Amino acid sequence: MGLGDLVQKAMYLGIGVASYAGEKAGEKLTELRAQVQKVADEMVDRGEMNAEEARRFVDEMVQRAQQSTPSVSKSEDRPAEPRKIEILDEEEPTPPQTTVDEMRQQVTDLQEELRRLKKD
C-alpha cells in the first residue's frame, strides 16, 4: 500500500465521517421539529395560542436549535500563532518564622486537648 492509497483512504474516511455527522444532525433536527410541533399542537388545542403563533413557535425553536449547534471553527477565527505563556520564576514568600512557630504550638495544643477528651 503506497502513500497515495493511504492519503486517498484518509480523505474518504473524512468525507464519510462528515456525511454521517450531517445525516445524524438532520435526524435530530427532524425529531426536534416533531416534538416541538406536538407541544405547539397541544397549546393550540388548549387555546393558549393560535395556529399562526404555533407555526412561528416551531420555526423559531428549530432555528434556535440550528444556531446553537457547534460548528467547525473557521481558520480566520484562530490566531496566526499559538498563544504565548509566560512562566515567572517567583518563589512564594515564606511566612515569618513566628507564624510557623505559633501554628506548631496550636497544633500541639489541639493534639493534647484531643488526647484529654479521648480519656474522658
Protein backbone atom coordinates (compact mmCIF):
# COMPACT_ATOMS: atom_id res chain seq x y z
CA MET A 1 0.00 0.00 0.00
CA GLY A 2 1.54 3.26 -1.11
CA LEU A 3 1.39 6.68 0.43
CA GLY A 4 -1.12 7.77 -2.21
CA ASP A 5 -3.52 4.97 -1.26
CA LEU A 6 -3.22 5.91 2.40
CA VAL A 7 -3.95 9.56 1.69
CA GLN A 8 -6.92 8.59 -0.50
CA LYS A 9 -8.35 6.33 2.22
CA ALA A 10 -7.91 9.06 4.83
CA MET A 11 -9.75 11.51 2.56
CA TYR A 12 -12.60 9.04 2.03
CA LEU A 13 -12.78 8.43 5.77
CA GLY A 14 -13.05 12.16 6.43
CA ILE A 15 -15.79 12.55 3.83
CA GLY A 16 -17.65 9.58 5.28
CA VAL A 17 -17.47 10.92 8.82
CA ALA A 18 -18.68 14.35 7.70
CA SER A 19 -21.55 12.77 5.76
CA TYR A 20 -22.56 10.62 8.73
CA ALA A 21 -22.48 13.61 11.08
CA GLY A 22 -24.64 15.58 8.67
CA GLU A 23 -27.20 12.76 8.48
CA LYS A 24 -27.33 12.44 12.28
CA ALA A 25 -27.78 16.21 12.70
CA GLY A 26 -30.60 16.14 10.16
CA GLU A 27 -32.29 13.29 12.01
CA LYS A 28 -32.04 15.12 15.34
CA LEU A 29 -33.50 18.30 13.83
CA THR A 30 -36.37 16.29 12.37
CA GLU A 31 -37.04 14.71 15.78
CA LEU A 32 -36.88 18.12 17.43
CA ARG A 33 -39.31 19.60 14.93
CA ALA A 34 -41.76 16.75 15.57
CA GLN A 35 -41.55 17.19 19.34
CA VAL A 36 -41.94 20.97 19.18
CA GLN A 37 -44.84 20.58 16.74
CA LYS A 38 -46.54 18.21 19.18
CA VAL A 39 -46.18 20.74 22.02
CA ALA A 40 -47.45 23.54 19.79
CA ASP A 41 -50.46 21.45 18.73
CA GLU A 42 -51.31 20.78 22.37
CA MET A 43 -51.10 24.50 23.14
CA VAL A 44 -53.41 25.27 20.19
CA ASP A 45 -55.87 22.64 21.43
CA ARG A 46 -55.89 24.26 24.87
CA GLY A 47 -56.38 27.69 23.28
CA GLU A 48 -53.07 29.07 24.56
CA MET A 49 -52.01 30.10 21.04
CA ASN A 50 -53.47 30.17 17.56
CA ALA A 51 -52.24 28.21 14.52
CA GLU A 52 -50.11 31.07 13.18
CA GLU A 53 -48.39 31.54 16.54
CA ALA A 54 -47.78 27.80 16.72
CA ARG A 55 -46.14 27.78 13.29
CA ARG A 56 -43.88 30.71 14.26
CA PHE A 57 -43.06 28.99 17.57
CA VAL A 58 -41.99 25.77 15.83
CA ASP A 59 -39.90 27.66 13.26
CA GLU A 60 -38.24 29.74 15.96
CA MET A 61 -37.36 26.72 18.11
CA VAL A 62 -35.87 24.83 15.17
CA GLN A 63 -33.91 27.92 14.15
CA ARG A 64 -32.54 28.28 17.70
CA ALA A 65 -31.51 24.63 17.69
CA GLN A 66 -29.67 25.08 14.41
CA GLN A 67 -27.87 28.17 15.68
CA SER A 68 -26.81 26.53 18.92
CA THR A 69 -25.23 23.51 17.25
CA PRO A 70 -21.45 23.60 17.45
CA SER A 71 -19.89 24.46 14.15
CA VAL A 72 -16.39 23.87 12.92
CA SER A 73 -14.37 26.95 13.73
CA LYS A 74 -13.06 28.82 10.76
CA SER A 75 -9.36 29.31 10.28
CA GLU A 76 -9.93 33.10 10.35
CA ASP A 77 -11.13 32.78 13.96
CA ARG A 78 -7.89 31.19 15.07
CA PRO A 79 -4.84 33.28 15.89
CA ALA A 80 -1.94 33.06 13.46
CA GLU A 81 0.43 31.93 16.21
CA PRO A 82 -0.05 29.90 19.36
CA ARG A 83 -0.79 31.91 22.45
CA LYS A 84 2.36 32.73 24.37
CA ILE A 85 2.59 31.70 28.01
CA GLU A 86 4.97 33.46 30.32
CA ILE A 87 6.43 31.46 33.20
CA LEU A 88 7.59 33.51 36.13
CA ASP A 89 10.25 32.19 38.47
CA GLU A 90 9.00 33.90 41.58
CA GLU A 91 9.29 31.97 44.76
CA GLU A 92 6.36 32.04 47.09
CA PRO A 93 7.14 34.16 50.11
CA THR A 94 7.64 32.09 53.21
CA PRO A 95 5.63 33.08 56.25
CA PRO A 96 7.54 34.68 59.08
CA GLN A 97 9.09 32.18 61.45
CA THR A 98 6.98 33.40 64.35
CA THR A 99 3.81 32.48 62.47
CA VAL A 100 5.10 28.97 61.79
CA ASP A 101 6.08 28.55 65.42
CA GLU A 102 2.66 29.76 66.56
CA MET A 103 0.94 27.30 64.25
CA ARG A 104 3.07 24.44 65.54
CA GLN A 105 2.18 25.37 69.10
CA GLN A 106 -1.54 25.46 68.21
CA VAL A 107 -1.32 22.00 66.62
CA THR A 108 0.44 20.66 69.71
CA ASP A 109 -2.18 22.20 71.98
CA LEU A 110 -5.01 20.75 69.92
CA GLN A 111 -3.41 17.31 69.95
CA GLU A 112 -3.11 17.42 73.73
CA GLU A 113 -6.73 18.52 74.07
CA LEU A 114 -7.84 15.69 71.77
CA ARG A 115 -5.96 13.14 73.89
CA ARG A 116 -7.54 14.57 77.04
CA LEU A 117 -11.03 14.37 75.52
CA LYS A 118 -10.49 10.77 74.42
CA LYS A 119 -9.57 9.81 78.00
CA ASP A 120 -12.77 11.37 79.38
